[in-house]
């Protein structure tokens, strides 16, 4: 039984780490200005708005999805072991 308690404590700590990582991901200060676009003036005078190359919002969303899938997998394994 103590082995089972230890394993469940490890899974609980891992799940807490995943949820804490998601929380830290969404308090990124770069997300405050994700909607600002770069303005370029073309040779004919047209103004072109370009999105920054590392798009922070999309990166944060995809990383959140992958972390949630990882957390759900850990939770499924932990429930299987109970």
PDB file of N, CA and C in Angstrom:
ATOM      1  N   UNK A   1       0.792  -1.209   0.000  1.00  0.00           N
ATOM      2  CA  UNK A   1       0.000   0.000   0.000  1.00  0.00           C
ATOM      3  C   UNK A   1       0.843   1.286   0.000  1.00  0.00           C
ATOM      4  N   UNK A   2       1.957   1.322   0.746  1.00  0.00           N
ATOM      5  CA  UNK A   2       2.739   2.569   0.732  1.00  0.00           C
ATOM      6  C   UNK A   2       3.284   2.897  -0.653  1.00  0.00           C
ATOM      7  N   UNK A   3       3.551   1.850  -1.460  1.00  0.00           N
ATOM      8  CA  UNK A   3       4.035   2.110  -2.824  1.00  0.00           C
ATOM      9  C   UNK A   3       2.963   2.815  -3.651  1.00  0.00           C
ATOM     10  N   UNK A   4       1.719   2.394  -3.412  1.00  0.00           N
ATOM     11  CA  UNK A   4       0.601   3.006  -4.135  1.00  0.00           C
ATOM     12  C   UNK A   4       0.430   4.476  -3.723  1.00  0.00           C
ATOM     13  N   UNK A   5       0.570   4.751  -2.449  1.00  0.00           N
ATOM     14  CA  UNK A   5       0.459   6.129  -1.962  1.00  0.00           C
ATOM     15  C   UNK A   5       1.585   6.991  -2.523  1.00  0.00           C
ATOM     16  N   UNK A   6       2.778   6.423  -2.597  1.00  0.00           N
ATOM     17  CA  UNK A   6       3.915   7.168  -3.139  1.00  0.00           C
ATOM     18  C   UNK A   6       3.694   7.473  -4.616  1.00  0.00           C
ATOM     19  N   UNK A   7       3.219   6.470  -5.362  1.00  0.00           N
ATOM     20  CA  UNK A   7       2.968   6.678  -6.792  1.00  0.00           C
ATOM     21  C   UNK A   7       1.896   7.747  -7.004  1.00  0.00           C
ATOM     22  N   UNK A   8       0.841   7.692  -6.204  1.00  0.00           N
ATOM     23  CA  UNK A   8      -0.219   8.686  -6.346  1.00  0.00           C
ATOM     24  C   UNK A   8       0.265  10.079  -5.948  1.00  0.00           C
ATOM     25  N   UNK A   9       1.145  10.156  -4.958  1.00  0.00           N
ATOM     26  CA  UNK A   9       1.711  11.459  -4.580  1.00  0.00           C
ATOM     27  C   UNK A   9       2.572  12.031  -5.703  1.00  0.00           C
ATOM     28  N   UNK A  10       3.310  11.165  -6.375  1.00  0.00           N
ATOM     29  CA  UNK A  10       4.131  11.615  -7.513  1.00  0.00           C
ATOM     30  C   UNK A  10       3.228  12.109  -8.636  1.00  0.00           C
ATOM     31  N   UNK A  11       2.159  11.368  -8.937  1.00  0.00           N
ATOM     32  CA  UNK A  11       1.232  11.813  -9.987  1.00  0.00           C
ATOM     33  C   UNK A  11       0.556  13.125  -9.601  1.00  0.00           C
ATOM     34  N   UNK A  12       0.210  13.274  -8.333  1.00  0.00           N
ATOM     35  CA  UNK A  12      -0.406  14.528  -7.890  1.00  0.00           C
ATOM     36  C   UNK A  12       0.569  15.696  -8.047  1.00  0.00           C
ATOM     37  N   UNK A  13       1.826  15.480  -7.716  1.00  0.00           N
ATOM     38  CA  UNK A  13       2.822  16.537  -7.872  1.00  0.00           C
ATOM     39  C   UNK A  13       3.027  16.882  -9.345  1.00  0.00           C
ATOM     40  N   UNK A  14       3.044  15.868 -10.205  1.00  0.00           N
ATOM     41  CA  UNK A  14       3.193  16.124 -11.645  1.00  0.00           C
ATOM     42  C   UNK A  14       1.992  16.889 -12.199  1.00  0.00           C
ATOM     43  N   UNK A  15       0.793  16.519 -11.775  1.00  0.00           N
ATOM     44  CA  UNK A  15      -0.403  17.231 -12.241  1.00  0.00           C
ATOM     45  C   UNK A  15      -0.421  18.670 -11.742  1.00  0.00           C
ATOM     46  N   UNK A  16       0.042  18.879 -10.511  1.00  0.00           N
ATOM     47  CA  UNK A  16       0.144  20.240 -10.002  1.00  0.00           C
ATOM     48  C   UNK A  16       1.150  21.044 -10.824  1.00  0.00           C
ATOM     49  N   UNK A  17       2.270  20.417 -11.194  1.00  0.00           N
ATOM     50  CA  UNK A  17       3.285  21.110 -11.999  1.00  0.00           C
ATOM     51  C   UNK A  17       2.734  21.486 -13.372  1.00  0.00           C
ATOM     52  N   UNK A  18       1.943  20.600 -13.967  1.00  0.00           N
ATOM     53  CA  UNK A  18       1.344  20.902 -15.275  1.00  0.00           C
ATOM     54  C   UNK A  18       0.366  22.070 -15.151  1.00  0.00           C
ATOM     55  N   UNK A  19      -0.478  22.047 -14.132  1.00  0.00           N
ATOM     56  CA  UNK A  19      -1.443  23.148 -13.980  1.00  0.00           C
ATOM     57  C   UNK A  19      -0.735  24.463 -13.645  1.00  0.00           C
ATOM     58  N   UNK A  20       0.342  24.400 -12.866  1.00  0.00           N
ATOM     59  CA  UNK A  20       1.104  25.605 -12.549  1.00  0.00           C
ATOM     60  C   UNK A  20       1.796  26.153 -13.796  1.00  0.00           C
ATOM     61  N   UNK A  21       2.287  25.257 -14.668  1.00  0.00           N
ATOM     62  CA  UNK A  21       2.919  25.694 -15.914  1.00  0.00           C
ATOM     63  C   UNK A  21       1.908  26.389 -16.818  1.00  0.00           C
ATOM     64  N   UNK A  22       0.689  25.874 -16.869  1.00  0.00           N
ATOM     65  CA  UNK A  22      -0.357  26.515 -17.680  1.00  0.00           C
ATOM     66  C   UNK A  22      -0.690  27.892 -17.114  1.00  0.00           C
ATOM     67  N   UNK A  23      -0.765  27.976 -15.796  1.00  0.00           N
ATOM     68  CA  UNK A  23      -1.062  29.267 -15.176  1.00  0.00           C
ATOM     69  C   UNK A  23       0.045  30.282 -15.473  1.00  0.00           C
ATOM     70  N   UNK A  24       1.300  29.863 -15.365  1.00  0.00           N
ATOM     71  CA  UNK A  24       2.410  30.768 -15.664  1.00  0.00           C
ATOM     72  C   UNK A  24       2.433  31.163 -17.136  1.00  0.00           C
ATOM     73  N   UNK A  25       2.021  30.242 -17.985  1.00  0.00           N
ATOM     74  CA  UNK A  25       2.002  30.518 -19.419  1.00  0.00           C
ATOM     75  C   UNK A  25       1.035  31.648 -19.751  1.00  0.00           C
ATOM     76  N   UNK A  26      -0.091  31.723 -19.047  1.00  0.00           N
ATOM     77  CA  UNK A  26      -1.097  32.720 -19.364  1.00  0.00           C
ATOM     78  C   UNK A  26      -0.911  34.052 -18.651  1.00  0.00           C
ATOM     79  N   UNK A  27       0.094  34.167 -17.777  1.00  0.00           N
ATOM     80  CA  UNK A  27       0.410  35.477 -17.206  1.00  0.00           C
ATOM     81  C   UNK A  27       1.680  36.038 -17.858  1.00  0.00           C
ATOM     82  N   UNK A  28       1.928  35.630 -19.079  1.00  0.00           N
ATOM     83  CA  UNK A  28       3.055  36.132 -19.852  1.00  0.00           C
ATOM     84  C   UNK A  28       2.812  37.603 -20.197  1.00  0.00           C
ATOM     85  N   UNK A  29       3.728  38.501 -19.845  1.00  0.00           N
ATOM     86  CA  UNK A  29       3.504  39.920 -20.141  1.00  0.00           C
ATOM     87  C   UNK A  29       3.476  40.233 -21.635  1.00  0.00           C
ATOM     88  N   UNK A  30       4.039  39.375 -22.466  1.00  0.00           N
ATOM     89  CA  UNK A  30       3.998  39.604 -23.912  1.00  0.00           C
ATOM     90  C   UNK A  30       2.588  39.452 -24.476  1.00  0.00           C
ATOM     91  N   UNK A  31       1.713  38.777 -23.724  1.00  0.00           N
ATOM     92  CA  UNK A  31       0.337  38.615 -24.191  1.00  0.00           C
ATOM     93  C   UNK A  31      -0.457  39.919 -24.120  1.00  0.00           C
ATOM     94  N   UNK A  32       0.032  40.902 -23.385  1.00  0.00           N
ATOM     95  CA  UNK A  32      -0.668  42.185 -23.308  1.00  0.00           C
ATOM     96  C   UNK A  32      -0.619  42.935 -24.636  1.00  0.00           C
ATOM     97  N   UNK A  33       0.424  42.688 -25.415  1.00  0.00           N
ATOM     98  CA  UNK A  33       0.573  43.429 -26.676  1.00  0.00           C
ATOM     99  C   UNK A  33       0.608  42.488 -27.874  1.00  0.00           C
ATOM    100  N   UNK A  34      -0.118  41.364 -27.796  1.00  0.00           N
ATOM    101  CA  UNK A  34      -0.065  40.400 -28.896  1.00  0.00           C
ATOM    102  C   UNK A  34      -0.760  40.922 -30.157  1.00  0.00           C
ATOM    103  N   UNK A  35      -1.667  41.878 -30.018  1.00  0.00           N
ATOM    104  CA  UNK A  35      -2.439  42.350 -31.160  1.00  0.00           C
ATOM    105  C   UNK A  35      -1.735  43.456 -31.950  1.00  0.00           C
ATOM    106  N   UNK A  36      -0.593  43.925 -31.467  1.00  0.00           N
ATOM    107  CA  UNK A  36       0.118  44.970 -32.193  1.00  0.00           C
ATOM    108  C   UNK A  36       0.778  44.391 -33.427  1.00  0.00           C
ATOM    109  N   UNK A  37       0.602  45.068 -34.529  1.00  0.00           N
ATOM    110  CA  UNK A  37       1.143  44.592 -35.798  1.00  0.00           C
ATOM    111  C   UNK A  37       2.242  45.531 -36.273  1.00  0.00           C
ATOM    112  N   UNK A  38       3.171  44.983 -37.057  1.00  0.00           N
ATOM    113  CA  UNK A  38       4.250  45.785 -37.624  1.00  0.00           C
ATOM    114  C   UNK A  38       3.752  46.481 -38.882  1.00  0.00           C
ATOM    115  N   UNK A  39       4.046  47.771 -38.991  1.00  0.00           N
ATOM    116  CA  UNK A  39       3.589  48.537 -40.150  1.00  0.00           C
ATOM    117  C   UNK A  39       4.772  48.756 -41.085  1.00  0.00           C
ATOM    118  N   UNK A  40       4.565  48.420 -42.349  1.00  0.00           N
ATOM    119  CA  UNK A  40       5.579  48.645 -43.381  1.00  0.00           C
ATOM    120  C   UNK A  40       4.954  49.450 -44.512  1.00  0.00           C
ATOM    121  N   UNK A  41       5.754  50.320 -45.082  1.00  0.00           N
ATOM    122  CA  UNK A  41       5.294  51.109 -46.211  1.00  0.00           C
ATOM    123  C   UNK A  41       5.964  50.554 -47.461  1.00  0.00           C
ATOM    124  N   UNK A  42       5.143  50.158 -48.422  1.00  0.00           N
ATOM    125  CA  UNK A  42       5.666  49.591 -49.657  1.00  0.00           C
ATOM    126  C   UNK A  42       6.254  50.659 -50.560  1.00  0.00           C
ATOM    127  N   UNK A  43       6.910  50.250 -51.647  1.00  0.00           N
ATOM    128  CA  UNK A  43       7.530  51.215 -52.569  1.00  0.00           C
ATOM    129  C   UNK A  43       6.505  52.112 -53.259  1.00  0.00           C
ATOM    130  N   UNK A  44       5.268  51.650 -53.391  1.00  0.00           N
ATOM    131  CA  UNK A  44       4.244  52.465 -54.045  1.00  0.00           C
ATOM    132  C   UNK A  44       3.435  53.281 -53.034  1.00  0.00           C
ATOM    133  N   UNK A  45       3.815  53.248 -51.761  1.00  0.00           N
ATOM    134  CA  UNK A  45       3.141  54.051 -50.751  1.00  0.00           C
ATOM    135  C   UNK A  45       2.049  53.330 -49.996  1.00  0.00           C
ATOM    136  N   UNK A  46       1.774  52.093 -50.349  1.00  0.00           N
ATOM    137  CA  UNK A  46       0.760  51.316 -49.627  1.00  0.00           C
ATOM    138  C   UNK A  46       1.280  50.921 -48.255  1.00  0.00           C
ATOM    139  N   UNK A  47       0.392  50.952 -47.286  1.00  0.00           N
ATOM    140  CA  UNK A  47       0.752  50.539 -45.937  1.00  0.00           C
ATOM    141  C   UNK A  47       0.363  49.071 -45.762  1.00  0.00           C
ATOM    142  N   UNK A  48       1.336  48.274 -45.350  1.00  0.00           N
ATOM    143  CA  UNK A  48       1.130  46.843 -45.160  1.00  0.00           C
ATOM    144  C   UNK A  48       1.300  46.531 -43.679  1.00  0.00           C
ATOM    145  N   UNK A  49       0.298  45.890 -43.094  1.00  0.00           N
ATOM    146  CA  UNK A  49       0.378  45.478 -41.692  1.00  0.00           C
ATOM    147  C   UNK A  49       0.759  44.007 -41.644  1.00  0.00           C
ATOM    148  N   UNK A  50       1.820  43.701 -40.913  1.00  0.00           N
ATOM    149  CA  UNK A  50       2.283  42.321 -40.803  1.00  0.00           C
ATOM    150  C   UNK A  50       2.266  41.888 -39.347  1.00  0.00           C
ATOM    151  N   UNK A  51       1.850  40.644 -39.151  1.00  0.00           N
ATOM    152  CA  UNK A  51       1.845  40.062 -37.814  1.00  0.00           C
ATOM    153  C   UNK A  51       3.281  39.702 -37.440  1.00  0.00           C
ATOM    154  N   UNK A  52       3.658  39.885 -36.176  1.00  0.00           N
ATOM    155  CA  UNK A  52       5.011  39.515 -35.767  1.00  0.00           C
ATOM    156  C   UNK A  52       5.257  38.015 -35.983  1.00  0.00           C
ATOM    157  N   UNK A  53       6.497  37.655 -36.277  1.00  0.00           N
ATOM    158  CA  UNK A  53       6.800  36.256 -36.599  1.00  0.00           C
ATOM    159  C   UNK A  53       6.530  35.303 -35.438  1.00  0.00           C
ATOM    160  N   UNK A  54       7.113  35.487 -34.264  1.00  0.00           N
ATOM    161  CA  UNK A  54       6.696  34.571 -33.192  1.00  0.00           C
ATOM    162  C   UNK A  54       5.385  35.070 -32.588  1.00  0.00           C
ATOM    163  N   UNK A  55       4.280  34.543 -33.057  1.00  0.00           N
ATOM    164  CA  UNK A  55       2.969  35.001 -32.605  1.00  0.00           C
ATOM    165  C   UNK A  55       2.690  34.396 -31.234  1.00  0.00           C
ATOM    166  N   UNK A  56       2.761  35.213 -30.203  1.00  0.00           N
ATOM    167  CA  UNK A  56       2.753  34.766 -28.812  1.00  0.00           C
ATOM    168  C   UNK A  56       1.424  34.120 -28.433  1.00  0.00           C
ATOM    169  N   UNK A  57       0.312  34.662 -28.875  1.00  0.00           N
ATOM    170  CA  UNK A  57      -0.985  34.114 -28.486  1.00  0.00           C
ATOM    171  C   UNK A  57      -1.166  32.703 -29.032  1.00  0.00           C
ATOM    172  N   UNK A  58      -0.861  32.506 -30.306  1.00  0.00           N
ATOM    173  CA  UNK A  58      -1.018  31.178 -30.901  1.00  0.00           C
ATOM    174  C   UNK A  58      -0.073  30.169 -30.242  1.00  0.00           C
ATOM    175  N   UNK A  59       1.160  30.584 -29.973  1.00  0.00           N
ATOM    176  CA  UNK A  59       2.116  29.705 -29.316  1.00  0.00           C
ATOM    177  C   UNK A  59       1.615  29.319 -27.926  1.00  0.00           C
ATOM    178  N   UNK A  60       1.068  30.285 -27.194  1.00  0.00           N
ATOM    179  CA  UNK A  60       0.561  30.013 -25.852  1.00  0.00           C
ATOM    180  C   UNK A  60      -0.633  29.068 -25.897  1.00  0.00           C
ATOM    181  N   UNK A  61      -1.499  29.258 -26.868  1.00  0.00           N
ATOM    182  CA  UNK A  61      -2.677  28.388 -26.977  1.00  0.00           C
ATOM    183  C   UNK A  61      -2.279  26.949 -27.294  1.00  0.00           C
ATOM    184  N   UNK A  62      -1.357  26.762 -28.249  1.00  0.00           N
ATOM    185  CA  UNK A  62      -0.946  25.414 -28.610  1.00  0.00           C
ATOM    186  C   UNK A  62      -0.196  24.736 -27.477  1.00  0.00           C
ATOM    187  N   UNK A  63       0.641  25.493 -26.770  1.00  0.00           N
ATOM    188  CA  UNK A  63       1.356  24.915 -25.640  1.00  0.00           C
ATOM    189  C   UNK A  63       0.381  24.530 -24.523  1.00  0.00           C
ATOM    190  N   UNK A  64      -0.669  25.325 -24.338  1.00  0.00           N
ATOM    191  CA  UNK A  64      -1.696  24.998 -23.354  1.00  0.00           C
ATOM    192  C   UNK A  64      -2.424  23.707 -23.734  1.00  0.00           C
ATOM    193  N   UNK A  65      -2.751  23.558 -25.006  1.00  0.00           N
ATOM    194  CA  UNK A  65      -3.439  22.337 -25.457  1.00  0.00           C
ATOM    195  C   UNK A  65      -2.561  21.116 -25.205  1.00  0.00           C
ATOM    196  N   UNK A  66      -1.286  21.202 -25.556  1.00  0.00           N
ATOM    197  CA  UNK A  66      -0.396  20.056 -25.353  1.00  0.00           C
ATOM    198  C   UNK A  66      -0.203  19.748 -23.870  1.00  0.00           C
ATOM    199  N   UNK A  67      -0.100  20.781 -23.043  1.00  0.00           N
ATOM    200  CA  UNK A  67       0.030  20.552 -21.606  1.00  0.00           C
ATOM    201  C   UNK A  67      -1.232  19.931 -21.020  1.00  0.00           C
ATOM    202  N   UNK A  68      -2.394  20.337 -21.517  1.00  0.00           N
ATOM    203  CA  UNK A  68      -3.638  19.756 -21.023  1.00  0.00           C
ATOM    204  C   UNK A  68      -3.763  18.296 -21.435  1.00  0.00           C
ATOM    205  N   UNK A  69      -3.373  17.965 -22.646  1.00  0.00           N
ATOM    206  CA  UNK A  69      -3.410  16.567 -23.087  1.00  0.00           C
ATOM    207  C   UNK A  69      -2.448  15.734 -22.242  1.00  0.00           C
ATOM    208  N   UNK A  70      -1.270  16.278 -21.965  1.00  0.00           N
ATOM    209  CA  UNK A  70      -0.305  15.585 -21.113  1.00  0.00           C
ATOM    210  C   UNK A  70      -0.865  15.396 -19.705  1.00  0.00           C
ATOM    211  N   UNK A  71      -1.504  16.423 -19.158  1.00  0.00           N
ATOM    212  CA  UNK A  71      -2.098  16.318 -17.830  1.00  0.00           C
ATOM    213  C   UNK A  71      -3.235  15.320 -17.781  1.00  0.00           C
ATOM    214  N   UNK A  72      -4.068  15.304 -18.818  1.00  0.00           N
ATOM    215  CA  UNK A  72      -5.160  14.324 -18.857  1.00  0.00           C
ATOM    216  C   UNK A  72      -4.626  12.902 -18.979  1.00  0.00           C
ATOM    217  N   UNK A  73      -3.552  12.739 -19.718  1.00  0.00           N
ATOM    218  CA  UNK A  73      -2.933  11.414 -19.820  1.00  0.00           C
ATOM    219  C   UNK A  73      -2.386  10.967 -18.468  1.00  0.00           C
ATOM    220  N   UNK A  74      -1.729  11.883 -17.765  1.00  0.00           N
ATOM    221  CA  UNK A  74      -1.229  11.557 -16.417  1.00  0.00           C
ATOM    222  C   UNK A  74      -2.375  11.202 -15.478  1.00  0.00           C
ATOM    223  N   UNK A  75      -3.464  11.951 -15.556  1.00  0.00           N
ATOM    224  CA  UNK A  75      -4.616  11.672 -14.691  1.00  0.00           C
ATOM    225  C   UNK A  75      -5.227  10.312 -15.031  1.00  0.00           C
ATOM    226  N   UNK A  76      -5.286   9.985 -16.316  1.00  0.00           N
ATOM    227  CA  UNK A  76      -5.839   8.682 -16.707  1.00  0.00           C
ATOM    228  C   UNK A  76      -4.969   7.542 -16.194  1.00  0.00           C
ATOM    229  N   UNK A  77      -3.660   7.712 -16.275  1.00  0.00           N
ATOM    230  CA  UNK A  77      -2.754   6.685 -15.758  1.00  0.00           C
ATOM    231  C   UNK A  77      -2.916   6.554 -14.237  1.00  0.00           C
ATOM    232  N   UNK A  78      -3.023   7.694 -13.555  1.00  0.00           N
ATOM    233  CA  UNK A  78      -3.186   7.655 -12.103  1.00  0.00           C
ATOM    234  C   UNK A  78      -4.490   6.977 -11.704  1.00  0.00           C
ATOM    235  N   UNK A  79      -5.583   7.257 -12.412  1.00  0.00           N
ATOM    236  CA  UNK A  79      -6.856   6.607 -12.096  1.00  0.00           C
ATOM    237  C   UNK A  79      -6.811   5.121 -12.405  1.00  0.00           C
ATOM    238  N   UNK A  80      -6.047   4.749 -13.426  1.00  0.00           N
ATOM    239  CA  UNK A  80      -5.902   3.336 -13.750  1.00  0.00           C
ATOM    240  C   UNK A  80      -5.167   2.597 -12.643  1.00  0.00           C
ATOM    241  N   UNK A  81      -4.196   3.274 -12.036  1.00  0.00           N
ATOM    242  CA  UNK A  81      -3.395   2.634 -10.987  1.00  0.00           C
ATOM    243  C   UNK A  81      -4.113   2.559  -9.647  1.00  0.00           C
ATOM    244  N   UNK A  82      -5.173   3.323  -9.488  1.00  0.00           N
ATOM    245  CA  UNK A  82      -5.891   3.308  -8.195  1.00  0.00           C
ATOM    246  C   UNK A  82      -6.565   2.014  -8.034  1.00  0.00           C
TER     247      UNK A  82
END
